[in-house]
Amino acid sequence: ENRQLADEDFLDDRRDAGEIGAGHAVTAFYEIIPVLSGDSVPAVPELRYQAGASLTEAADSAELLTLRIRYKDPVSDEVQSITFRGFDDGHEFAQASDDFRFATAVAAFGMLLRDSQFSGHVQWHDIAQWAELSLGADANGHRHEFLTLVMLAQEMAGDDLVVSRDPVPNLRERQAR
């Protein structure tokens, strides 16, 4: 939900930062805080998008983020660093892939279950809608099962159900096959 490593420890190779093993994949969601939003932004080395209270050229462009990945070369055992830049391509959330929208629904579901301070304005019906609209092929019925969990949590929270279909019959139908 929120990283546990202190800002100053990101570049300290002696600190364990939750490494990812070779051949593994991780999906991480980050909130983008505009520099002039008034929200506090932690001080980390080499900030690309801000200089005091004024914006840099990069911040005044379609560039949204810089992702720095540090890894240990398996041959030389030296720490290497690579950088990727992300840009706003003008697409809406509804245009994202089913997998991305579904992963967003799962992350938001966890945040609401924990009553996270970082959940913002997300409501149960938002999560149900995102999950429903990103069911995709769902060969094993896991996404439908997740949607059922969201609907149950929404009902327990006292919110009105707003999904357009009941996923339970679909699960029963799959299990009967």
N, C-alpha and C. Protein backbone atom coordinates (compact mmCIF):
# COMPACT_ATOMS: atom_id res chain seq x y z
N GLU A 1 0.82 -1.19 0.00
CA GLU A 1 0.00 0.00 0.00
C GLU A 1 0.86 1.25 0.00
N ASN A 2 1.85 1.26 0.80
CA ASN A 2 2.78 2.37 0.79
C ASN A 2 4.14 1.81 1.16
N ARG A 3 5.14 2.24 0.47
CA ARG A 3 6.46 1.66 0.69
C ARG A 3 6.94 1.89 2.13
N GLN A 4 7.76 0.99 2.59
CA GLN A 4 8.26 1.06 3.95
C GLN A 4 9.70 1.57 4.01
N LEU A 5 10.37 1.67 2.89
CA LEU A 5 11.76 2.08 2.85
C LEU A 5 11.86 3.60 2.91
N ALA A 6 12.73 4.11 3.73
CA ALA A 6 12.94 5.55 3.85
C ALA A 6 13.54 6.09 2.54
N ASP A 7 13.20 7.33 2.20
CA ASP A 7 13.68 7.95 0.95
C ASP A 7 15.19 7.84 0.80
N GLU A 8 15.91 8.13 1.86
CA GLU A 8 17.37 8.15 1.78
C GLU A 8 17.97 6.76 1.61
N ASP A 9 17.18 5.70 1.82
CA ASP A 9 17.70 4.33 1.72
C ASP A 9 17.54 3.72 0.33
N PHE A 10 16.90 4.44 -0.60
CA PHE A 10 16.70 3.88 -1.93
C PHE A 10 18.00 3.60 -2.66
N LEU A 11 18.99 4.42 -2.44
CA LEU A 11 20.27 4.24 -3.13
C LEU A 11 21.30 3.48 -2.30
N ASP A 12 20.89 2.98 -1.14
CA ASP A 12 21.79 2.24 -0.26
C ASP A 12 21.67 0.76 -0.58
N ASP A 13 22.70 0.21 -1.22
CA ASP A 13 22.66 -1.20 -1.66
C ASP A 13 22.66 -2.18 -0.50
N ARG A 14 22.94 -1.72 0.70
CA ARG A 14 22.93 -2.62 1.86
C ARG A 14 21.52 -2.82 2.39
N ARG A 15 20.56 -2.00 1.93
CA ARG A 15 19.18 -2.09 2.39
C ARG A 15 18.37 -3.03 1.51
N ASP A 16 17.53 -3.83 2.12
CA ASP A 16 16.64 -4.73 1.38
C ASP A 16 15.41 -3.93 0.96
N ALA A 17 15.18 -3.88 -0.35
CA ALA A 17 14.08 -3.07 -0.85
C ALA A 17 13.02 -3.91 -1.55
N GLY A 18 12.92 -5.17 -1.21
CA GLY A 18 11.91 -6.01 -1.83
C GLY A 18 12.29 -6.40 -3.24
N GLU A 19 13.37 -7.11 -3.37
CA GLU A 19 13.89 -7.47 -4.67
C GLU A 19 12.94 -8.38 -5.44
N ILE A 20 13.08 -8.32 -6.75
CA ILE A 20 12.32 -9.16 -7.66
C ILE A 20 13.32 -10.12 -8.30
N GLY A 21 13.06 -11.39 -8.20
CA GLY A 21 13.96 -12.40 -8.76
C GLY A 21 13.88 -12.47 -10.27
N ALA A 22 14.93 -13.01 -10.88
CA ALA A 22 14.97 -13.19 -12.33
C ALA A 22 13.78 -14.03 -12.78
N GLY A 23 13.14 -13.61 -13.85
CA GLY A 23 12.02 -14.35 -14.39
C GLY A 23 10.68 -14.04 -13.73
N HIS A 24 10.67 -13.17 -12.75
CA HIS A 24 9.43 -12.80 -12.06
C HIS A 24 8.93 -11.45 -12.56
N ALA A 25 7.67 -11.19 -12.34
CA ALA A 25 7.07 -9.92 -12.74
C ALA A 25 6.29 -9.34 -11.57
N VAL A 26 6.21 -8.02 -11.52
CA VAL A 26 5.49 -7.32 -10.47
C VAL A 26 4.71 -6.18 -11.11
N THR A 27 3.51 -5.95 -10.62
CA THR A 27 2.73 -4.78 -11.04
C THR A 27 2.69 -3.83 -9.86
N ALA A 28 3.09 -2.61 -10.09
CA ALA A 28 3.08 -1.60 -9.03
C ALA A 28 2.23 -0.42 -9.50
N PHE A 29 1.42 0.09 -8.59
CA PHE A 29 0.60 1.27 -8.89
C PHE A 29 1.14 2.42 -8.06
N TYR A 30 1.29 3.57 -8.69
CA TYR A 30 1.77 4.75 -8.01
C TYR A 30 0.82 5.90 -8.25
N GLU A 31 0.66 6.72 -7.24
CA GLU A 31 -0.12 7.93 -7.38
C GLU A 31 0.82 9.02 -7.89
N ILE A 32 0.37 9.74 -8.88
CA ILE A 32 1.15 10.85 -9.41
C ILE A 32 0.64 12.12 -8.75
N ILE A 33 1.53 12.81 -8.04
CA ILE A 33 1.15 14.05 -7.35
C ILE A 33 1.74 15.22 -8.13
N PRO A 34 0.88 16.06 -8.71
CA PRO A 34 1.41 17.22 -9.43
C PRO A 34 2.23 18.11 -8.48
N VAL A 35 3.32 18.62 -9.00
CA VAL A 35 4.27 19.39 -8.19
C VAL A 35 3.61 20.57 -7.49
N LEU A 36 2.77 21.29 -8.19
CA LEU A 36 2.17 22.50 -7.61
C LEU A 36 0.82 22.23 -6.95
N SER A 37 0.55 20.97 -6.60
CA SER A 37 -0.74 20.62 -6.00
C SER A 37 -0.86 21.07 -4.55
N GLY A 38 0.26 21.37 -3.92
CA GLY A 38 0.24 21.74 -2.51
C GLY A 38 0.46 20.55 -1.59
N ASP A 39 0.39 19.32 -2.14
CA ASP A 39 0.67 18.13 -1.35
C ASP A 39 2.17 18.03 -1.12
N SER A 40 2.54 17.47 0.01
CA SER A 40 3.97 17.34 0.28
C SER A 40 4.54 16.20 -0.55
N VAL A 41 5.68 16.46 -1.15
CA VAL A 41 6.39 15.48 -1.95
C VAL A 41 7.72 15.22 -1.28
N PRO A 42 8.04 13.96 -0.96
CA PRO A 42 9.29 13.68 -0.27
C PRO A 42 10.50 14.09 -1.10
N ALA A 43 11.54 14.51 -0.43
CA ALA A 43 12.76 14.90 -1.11
C ALA A 43 13.59 13.66 -1.41
N VAL A 44 13.85 13.43 -2.67
CA VAL A 44 14.71 12.32 -3.10
C VAL A 44 15.73 12.90 -4.06
N PRO A 45 16.85 12.21 -4.25
CA PRO A 45 17.89 12.76 -5.10
C PRO A 45 17.43 12.97 -6.54
N GLU A 46 17.98 13.98 -7.18
CA GLU A 46 17.81 14.22 -8.60
C GLU A 46 16.36 14.30 -9.05
N LEU A 47 15.56 15.12 -8.41
CA LEU A 47 14.18 15.28 -8.84
C LEU A 47 14.16 15.94 -10.22
N ARG A 48 13.42 15.34 -11.12
CA ARG A 48 13.41 15.78 -12.50
C ARG A 48 12.35 16.84 -12.79
N TYR A 49 11.29 16.88 -12.01
CA TYR A 49 10.13 17.68 -12.37
C TYR A 49 9.92 18.93 -11.55
N GLN A 50 10.76 19.18 -10.58
CA GLN A 50 10.56 20.37 -9.77
C GLN A 50 11.88 20.98 -9.35
N ALA A 51 11.84 22.24 -9.20
CA ALA A 51 12.99 22.99 -8.70
C ALA A 51 12.42 24.06 -7.80
N GLY A 52 12.38 23.77 -6.51
CA GLY A 52 11.74 24.70 -5.59
C GLY A 52 10.25 24.72 -5.86
N ALA A 53 9.69 25.90 -6.03
CA ALA A 53 8.24 26.02 -6.26
C ALA A 53 7.90 26.20 -7.74
N SER A 54 8.91 26.21 -8.61
CA SER A 54 8.63 26.39 -10.03
C SER A 54 8.79 25.07 -10.78
N LEU A 55 8.12 24.97 -11.92
CA LEU A 55 8.19 23.76 -12.73
C LEU A 55 9.41 23.77 -13.64
N THR A 56 9.91 22.58 -13.91
CA THR A 56 10.99 22.45 -14.88
C THR A 56 10.39 22.27 -16.27
N GLU A 57 11.23 22.26 -17.30
CA GLU A 57 10.74 22.04 -18.66
C GLU A 57 10.06 20.67 -18.76
N ALA A 58 10.61 19.65 -18.10
CA ALA A 58 10.03 18.31 -18.15
C ALA A 58 8.63 18.29 -17.55
N ALA A 59 8.43 19.06 -16.50
CA ALA A 59 7.11 19.09 -15.86
C ALA A 59 6.09 19.82 -16.71
N ASP A 60 6.54 20.66 -17.60
CA ASP A 60 5.65 21.42 -18.46
C ASP A 60 5.44 20.72 -19.81
N SER A 61 5.63 19.39 -19.82
CA SER A 61 5.47 18.61 -21.04
C SER A 61 4.49 17.47 -20.78
N ALA A 62 4.35 16.57 -21.72
CA ALA A 62 3.47 15.40 -21.56
C ALA A 62 4.14 14.31 -20.74
N GLU A 63 5.36 14.54 -20.29
CA GLU A 63 6.08 13.55 -19.50
C GLU A 63 5.46 13.49 -18.10
N LEU A 64 5.08 12.28 -17.67
CA LEU A 64 4.43 12.10 -16.37
C LEU A 64 5.35 11.60 -15.28
N LEU A 65 6.30 10.76 -15.65
CA LEU A 65 7.08 10.11 -14.62
C LEU A 65 8.41 9.63 -15.15
N THR A 66 9.30 9.41 -14.22
CA THR A 66 10.56 8.74 -14.50
C THR A 66 10.65 7.54 -13.57
N LEU A 67 10.89 6.40 -14.15
CA LEU A 67 11.03 5.16 -13.38
C LEU A 67 12.48 4.75 -13.40
N ARG A 68 13.07 4.68 -12.22
CA ARG A 68 14.46 4.23 -12.10
C ARG A 68 14.46 2.83 -11.50
N ILE A 69 15.12 1.93 -12.17
CA ILE A 69 15.22 0.56 -11.68
C ILE A 69 16.68 0.26 -11.44
N ARG A 70 16.96 -0.23 -10.25
CA ARG A 70 18.32 -0.62 -9.90
C ARG A 70 18.35 -2.14 -9.80
N TYR A 71 19.40 -2.73 -10.33
CA TYR A 71 19.51 -4.18 -10.30
C TYR A 71 20.97 -4.58 -10.18
N LYS A 72 21.17 -5.78 -9.71
CA LYS A 72 22.53 -6.30 -9.58
C LYS A 72 22.80 -7.20 -10.77
N ASP A 73 23.85 -6.87 -11.52
CA ASP A 73 24.23 -7.68 -12.67
C ASP A 73 24.65 -9.06 -12.17
N PRO A 74 24.06 -10.13 -12.72
CA PRO A 74 24.37 -11.47 -12.21
C PRO A 74 25.79 -11.93 -12.50
N VAL A 75 26.44 -11.34 -13.51
CA VAL A 75 27.80 -11.74 -13.85
C VAL A 75 28.83 -10.96 -13.04
N SER A 76 28.72 -9.63 -13.08
CA SER A 76 29.73 -8.79 -12.42
C SER A 76 29.40 -8.53 -10.96
N ASP A 77 28.16 -8.78 -10.55
CA ASP A 77 27.68 -8.51 -9.19
C ASP A 77 27.69 -7.02 -8.86
N GLU A 78 27.79 -6.18 -9.91
CA GLU A 78 27.74 -4.73 -9.71
C GLU A 78 26.30 -4.23 -9.83
N VAL A 79 25.98 -3.19 -9.08
CA VAL A 79 24.65 -2.60 -9.15
C VAL A 79 24.59 -1.70 -10.39
N GLN A 80 23.57 -1.92 -11.19
CA GLN A 80 23.33 -1.14 -12.40
C GLN A 80 22.04 -0.35 -12.22
N SER A 81 21.85 0.66 -13.03
CA SER A 81 20.64 1.46 -12.96
C SER A 81 20.17 1.76 -14.38
N ILE A 82 18.86 1.62 -14.61
CA ILE A 82 18.28 2.00 -15.89
C ILE A 82 17.09 2.92 -15.62
N THR A 83 16.81 3.79 -16.55
CA THR A 83 15.75 4.78 -16.38
C THR A 83 14.81 4.74 -17.57
N PHE A 84 13.51 4.79 -17.27
CA PHE A 84 12.46 4.86 -18.29
C PHE A 84 11.63 6.10 -18.01
N ARG A 85 11.15 6.73 -19.07
CA ARG A 85 10.26 7.87 -18.91
C ARG A 85 8.87 7.48 -19.38
N GLY A 86 7.85 7.95 -18.67
CA GLY A 86 6.46 7.68 -19.03
C GLY A 86 5.77 8.96 -19.45
N PHE A 87 4.94 8.87 -20.50
CA PHE A 87 4.29 10.05 -21.05
C PHE A 87 2.78 9.90 -21.02
N ASP A 88 2.09 11.02 -20.91
CA ASP A 88 0.64 11.05 -21.01
C ASP A 88 0.30 10.98 -22.49
N ASP A 89 -0.28 9.85 -22.89
CA ASP A 89 -0.62 9.69 -24.30
C ASP A 89 -2.05 10.11 -24.61
N GLY A 90 -2.72 10.69 -23.61
CA GLY A 90 -4.05 11.23 -23.83
C GLY A 90 -5.18 10.22 -23.72
N HIS A 91 -4.88 8.97 -23.42
CA HIS A 91 -5.92 7.96 -23.31
C HIS A 91 -6.64 8.05 -21.97
N GLU A 92 -7.89 7.66 -21.96
CA GLU A 92 -8.70 7.62 -20.75
C GLU A 92 -8.54 6.25 -20.08
N PHE A 93 -8.89 6.17 -18.82
CA PHE A 93 -8.83 4.91 -18.06
C PHE A 93 -9.65 3.83 -18.76
N ALA A 94 -10.80 4.21 -19.33
CA ALA A 94 -11.66 3.24 -20.01
C ALA A 94 -10.98 2.61 -21.22
N GLN A 95 -9.95 3.24 -21.75
CA GLN A 95 -9.24 2.72 -22.91
C GLN A 95 -8.08 1.80 -22.51
N ALA A 96 -7.81 1.67 -21.23
CA ALA A 96 -6.73 0.79 -20.77
C ALA A 96 -7.12 -0.66 -21.02
N SER A 97 -6.15 -1.54 -20.99
CA SER A 97 -6.41 -2.96 -21.22
C SER A 97 -7.29 -3.53 -20.11
N ASP A 98 -7.99 -4.62 -20.41
CA ASP A 98 -8.79 -5.29 -19.39
C ASP A 98 -7.92 -5.66 -18.19
N ASP A 99 -6.71 -6.15 -18.45
CA ASP A 99 -5.83 -6.56 -17.36
C ASP A 99 -5.48 -5.40 -16.45
N PHE A 100 -5.17 -4.24 -17.03
CA PHE A 100 -4.80 -3.07 -16.21
C PHE A 100 -6.00 -2.60 -15.39
N ARG A 101 -7.17 -2.49 -16.03
CA ARG A 101 -8.36 -2.04 -15.30
C ARG A 101 -8.73 -3.03 -14.19
N PHE A 102 -8.60 -4.32 -14.47
CA PHE A 102 -8.92 -5.31 -13.45
C PHE A 102 -7.93 -5.23 -12.29
N ALA A 103 -6.65 -5.10 -12.60
CA ALA A 103 -5.64 -4.97 -11.54
C ALA A 103 -5.90 -3.73 -10.69
N THR A 104 -6.35 -2.65 -11.32
CA THR A 104 -6.70 -1.43 -10.59
C THR A 104 -7.86 -1.70 -9.64
N ALA A 105 -8.86 -2.46 -10.11
CA ALA A 105 -10.00 -2.80 -9.26
C ALA A 105 -9.54 -3.62 -8.05
N VAL A 106 -8.65 -4.57 -8.27
CA VAL A 106 -8.16 -5.41 -7.17
C VAL A 106 -7.38 -4.57 -6.15
N ALA A 107 -6.51 -3.68 -6.65
CA ALA A 107 -5.74 -2.82 -5.74
C ALA A 107 -6.67 -1.91 -4.94
N ALA A 108 -7.65 -1.31 -5.60
CA ALA A 108 -8.59 -0.43 -4.91
C ALA A 108 -9.44 -1.20 -3.89
N PHE A 109 -9.81 -2.43 -4.22
CA PHE A 109 -10.57 -3.28 -3.31
C PHE A 109 -9.79 -3.49 -2.02
N GLY A 110 -8.51 -3.83 -2.14
CA GLY A 110 -7.67 -4.01 -0.96
C GLY A 110 -7.57 -2.74 -0.13
N MET A 111 -7.49 -1.60 -0.80
CA MET A 111 -7.38 -0.34 -0.08
C MET A 111 -8.66 -0.03 0.69
N LEU A 112 -9.82 -0.29 0.08
CA LEU A 112 -11.07 -0.04 0.80
C LEU A 112 -11.25 -1.02 1.95
N LEU A 113 -10.87 -2.27 1.75
CA LEU A 113 -10.96 -3.25 2.84
C LEU A 113 -10.13 -2.83 4.05
N ARG A 114 -8.99 -2.23 3.78
CA ARG A 114 -8.09 -1.78 4.85
C ARG A 114 -8.44 -0.40 5.36
N ASP A 115 -9.44 0.23 4.76
CA ASP A 115 -9.80 1.60 5.10
C ASP A 115 -8.57 2.51 4.95
N SER A 116 -7.90 2.35 3.83
CA SER A 116 -6.64 3.05 3.57
C SER A 116 -6.83 4.56 3.45
N GLN A 117 -5.90 5.28 4.01
CA GLN A 117 -5.90 6.73 3.87
C GLN A 117 -5.58 7.15 2.43
N PHE A 118 -5.09 6.20 1.62
CA PHE A 118 -4.69 6.50 0.25
C PHE A 118 -5.77 6.14 -0.77
N SER A 119 -6.94 5.72 -0.33
CA SER A 119 -7.97 5.28 -1.27
C SER A 119 -8.69 6.44 -1.96
N GLY A 120 -8.47 7.63 -1.51
CA GLY A 120 -9.07 8.79 -2.17
C GLY A 120 -10.58 8.74 -2.15
N HIS A 121 -11.18 8.96 -3.31
CA HIS A 121 -12.63 9.01 -3.42
C HIS A 121 -13.23 7.74 -4.01
N VAL A 122 -12.45 6.67 -4.08
CA VAL A 122 -12.93 5.42 -4.67
C VAL A 122 -14.03 4.83 -3.79
N GLN A 123 -15.10 4.37 -4.43
CA GLN A 123 -16.22 3.76 -3.73
C GLN A 123 -16.39 2.32 -4.22
N TRP A 124 -17.16 1.54 -3.48
CA TRP A 124 -17.40 0.14 -3.84
C TRP A 124 -17.96 0.03 -5.25
N HIS A 125 -18.89 0.91 -5.59
CA HIS A 125 -19.51 0.81 -6.92
C HIS A 125 -18.50 1.09 -8.04
N ASP A 126 -17.48 1.92 -7.77
CA ASP A 126 -16.43 2.15 -8.77
C ASP A 126 -15.67 0.86 -9.04
N ILE A 127 -15.30 0.19 -7.95
CA ILE A 127 -14.55 -1.05 -8.07
C ILE A 127 -15.37 -2.11 -8.80
N ALA A 128 -16.65 -2.23 -8.43
CA ALA A 128 -17.53 -3.21 -9.09
C ALA A 128 -17.62 -2.92 -10.58
N GLN A 129 -17.75 -1.66 -10.93
CA GLN A 129 -17.87 -1.29 -12.35
C GLN A 129 -16.57 -1.59 -13.09
N TRP A 130 -15.42 -1.23 -12.51
CA TRP A 130 -14.14 -1.50 -13.16
C TRP A 130 -13.96 -3.00 -13.38
N ALA A 131 -14.27 -3.79 -12.35
CA ALA A 131 -14.11 -5.24 -12.46
C ALA A 131 -15.06 -5.81 -13.51
N GLU A 132 -16.30 -5.35 -13.48
CA GLU A 132 -17.29 -5.88 -14.43
C GLU A 132 -16.90 -5.56 -15.87
N LEU A 133 -16.43 -4.36 -16.11
CA LEU A 133 -16.08 -3.95 -17.47
C LEU A 133 -14.75 -4.53 -17.95
N SER A 134 -14.03 -5.21 -17.07
CA SER A 134 -12.74 -5.78 -17.46
C SER A 134 -12.68 -7.29 -17.22
N LEU A 135 -13.83 -7.95 -17.25
CA LEU A 135 -13.86 -9.40 -17.03
C LEU A 135 -13.12 -10.16 -18.11
N GLY A 136 -13.18 -9.71 -19.34
CA GLY A 136 -12.47 -10.38 -20.43
C GLY A 136 -12.92 -11.82 -20.57
N ALA A 137 -12.06 -12.68 -21.10
CA ALA A 137 -12.40 -14.09 -21.34
C ALA A 137 -12.63 -14.83 -20.02
N ASP A 138 -11.83 -14.59 -19.01
CA ASP A 138 -11.99 -15.17 -17.66
C ASP A 138 -12.21 -16.69 -17.71
N ALA A 139 -11.28 -17.39 -18.33
CA ALA A 139 -11.41 -18.83 -18.57
C ALA A 139 -11.66 -19.64 -17.30
N ASN A 140 -11.07 -19.26 -16.18
CA ASN A 140 -11.23 -20.03 -14.94
C ASN A 140 -12.25 -19.43 -13.98
N GLY A 141 -12.85 -18.33 -14.34
CA GLY A 141 -13.87 -17.72 -13.50
C GLY A 141 -13.35 -16.91 -12.33
N HIS A 142 -12.03 -16.67 -12.26
CA HIS A 142 -11.47 -15.93 -11.14
C HIS A 142 -11.94 -14.48 -11.09
N ARG A 143 -12.06 -13.87 -12.24
CA ARG A 143 -12.50 -12.46 -12.26
C ARG A 143 -13.96 -12.36 -11.85
N HIS A 144 -14.79 -13.31 -12.30
CA HIS A 144 -16.19 -13.32 -11.86
C HIS A 144 -16.28 -13.54 -10.35
N GLU A 145 -15.42 -14.41 -9.85
CA GLU A 145 -15.40 -14.67 -8.40
C GLU A 145 -15.01 -13.40 -7.64
N PHE A 146 -14.03 -12.67 -8.16
CA PHE A 146 -13.64 -11.41 -7.53
C PHE A 146 -14.80 -10.43 -7.54
N LEU A 147 -15.50 -10.33 -8.66
CA LEU A 147 -16.64 -9.43 -8.75
C LEU A 147 -17.70 -9.80 -7.71
N THR A 148 -17.90 -11.09 -7.48
CA THR A 148 -18.83 -11.53 -6.44
C THR A 148 -18.38 -11.04 -5.06
N LEU A 149 -17.06 -11.13 -4.78
CA LEU A 149 -16.53 -10.64 -3.50
C LEU A 149 -16.75 -9.14 -3.35
N VAL A 150 -16.55 -8.39 -4.43
CA VAL A 150 -16.77 -6.95 -4.38
C VAL A 150 -18.23 -6.66 -4.09
N MET A 151 -19.13 -7.38 -4.74
CA MET A 151 -20.55 -7.16 -4.52
C MET A 151 -20.95 -7.49 -3.08
N LEU A 152 -20.37 -8.55 -2.53
CA LEU A 152 -20.65 -8.90 -1.13
C LEU A 152 -20.14 -7.82 -0.18
N ALA A 153 -18.93 -7.33 -0.41
CA ALA A 153 -18.36 -6.28 0.43
C ALA A 153 -19.20 -5.00 0.30
N GLN A 154 -19.62 -4.71 -0.90
CA GLN A 154 -20.45 -3.51 -1.14
C GLN A 154 -21.77 -3.64 -0.38
N GLU A 155 -22.37 -4.82 -0.44
CA GLU A 155 -23.63 -5.05 0.27
C GLU A 155 -23.43 -4.94 1.77
N MET A 156 -22.34 -5.51 2.28
CA MET A 156 -22.06 -5.45 3.72
C MET A 156 -21.81 -4.01 4.17
N ALA A 157 -21.26 -3.20 3.27
CA ALA A 157 -21.00 -1.80 3.60
C ALA A 157 -22.27 -0.96 3.52
N GLY A 158 -23.35 -1.57 3.02
CA GLY A 158 -24.62 -0.86 2.95
C GLY A 158 -24.79 -0.03 1.70
N ASP A 159 -23.91 -0.18 0.72
CA ASP A 159 -24.04 0.56 -0.53
C ASP A 159 -24.99 -0.18 -1.46
N ASP A 160 -25.64 0.58 -2.33
CA ASP A 160 -26.53 -0.02 -3.32
C ASP A 160 -25.69 -0.73 -4.38
N LEU A 161 -26.17 -1.90 -4.81
CA LEU A 161 -25.47 -2.63 -5.87
C LEU A 161 -25.75 -1.96 -7.20
N VAL A 162 -24.70 -1.78 -7.99
CA VAL A 162 -24.88 -1.09 -9.26
C VAL A 162 -24.34 -1.87 -10.45
N VAL A 163 -23.85 -3.10 -10.24
CA VAL A 163 -23.36 -3.86 -11.39
C VAL A 163 -24.55 -4.31 -12.21
N SER A 164 -24.34 -4.51 -13.50
CA SER A 164 -25.46 -4.78 -14.39
C SER A 164 -25.85 -6.24 -14.47
N ARG A 165 -25.03 -7.12 -13.92
CA ARG A 165 -25.38 -8.54 -13.98
C ARG A 165 -24.88 -9.25 -12.74
N ASP A 166 -25.48 -10.40 -12.47
CA ASP A 166 -25.08 -11.22 -11.33
C ASP A 166 -24.04 -12.23 -11.81
N PRO A 167 -22.79 -12.16 -11.32
CA PRO A 167 -21.77 -13.08 -11.80
C PRO A 167 -21.91 -14.49 -11.25
N VAL A 168 -22.68 -14.68 -10.20
CA VAL A 168 -22.77 -16.00 -9.57
C VAL A 168 -23.29 -17.07 -10.52
N PRO A 169 -24.37 -16.85 -11.30
CA PRO A 169 -24.81 -17.89 -12.23
C PRO A 169 -23.71 -18.27 -13.22
N ASN A 170 -22.92 -17.31 -13.66
CA ASN A 170 -21.83 -17.62 -14.58
C ASN A 170 -20.82 -18.55 -13.92
N LEU A 171 -20.52 -18.33 -12.65
CA LEU A 171 -19.59 -19.20 -11.93
C LEU A 171 -20.18 -20.59 -11.78
N ARG A 172 -21.44 -20.68 -11.41
CA ARG A 172 -22.08 -21.99 -11.26
C ARG A 172 -22.10 -22.73 -12.58
N GLU A 173 -22.34 -22.00 -13.65
CA GLU A 173 -22.37 -22.61 -14.98
C GLU A 173 -21.00 -23.18 -15.34
N ARG A 174 -19.92 -22.43 -15.03
CA ARG A 174 -18.56 -22.89 -15.31
C ARG A 174 -18.20 -24.11 -14.47
N GLN A 175 -18.61 -24.07 -13.19
CA GLN A 175 -18.29 -25.18 -12.29
C GLN A 175 -19.04 -26.45 -12.67
N ALA A 176 -20.21 -26.32 -13.30
CA ALA A 176 -20.99 -27.48 -13.69
C ALA A 176 -20.36 -28.18 -14.90
N ARG A 177 -19.58 -27.46 -15.69
CA ARG A 177 -18.96 -28.06 -16.88
C ARG A 177 -17.83 -28.97 -16.53
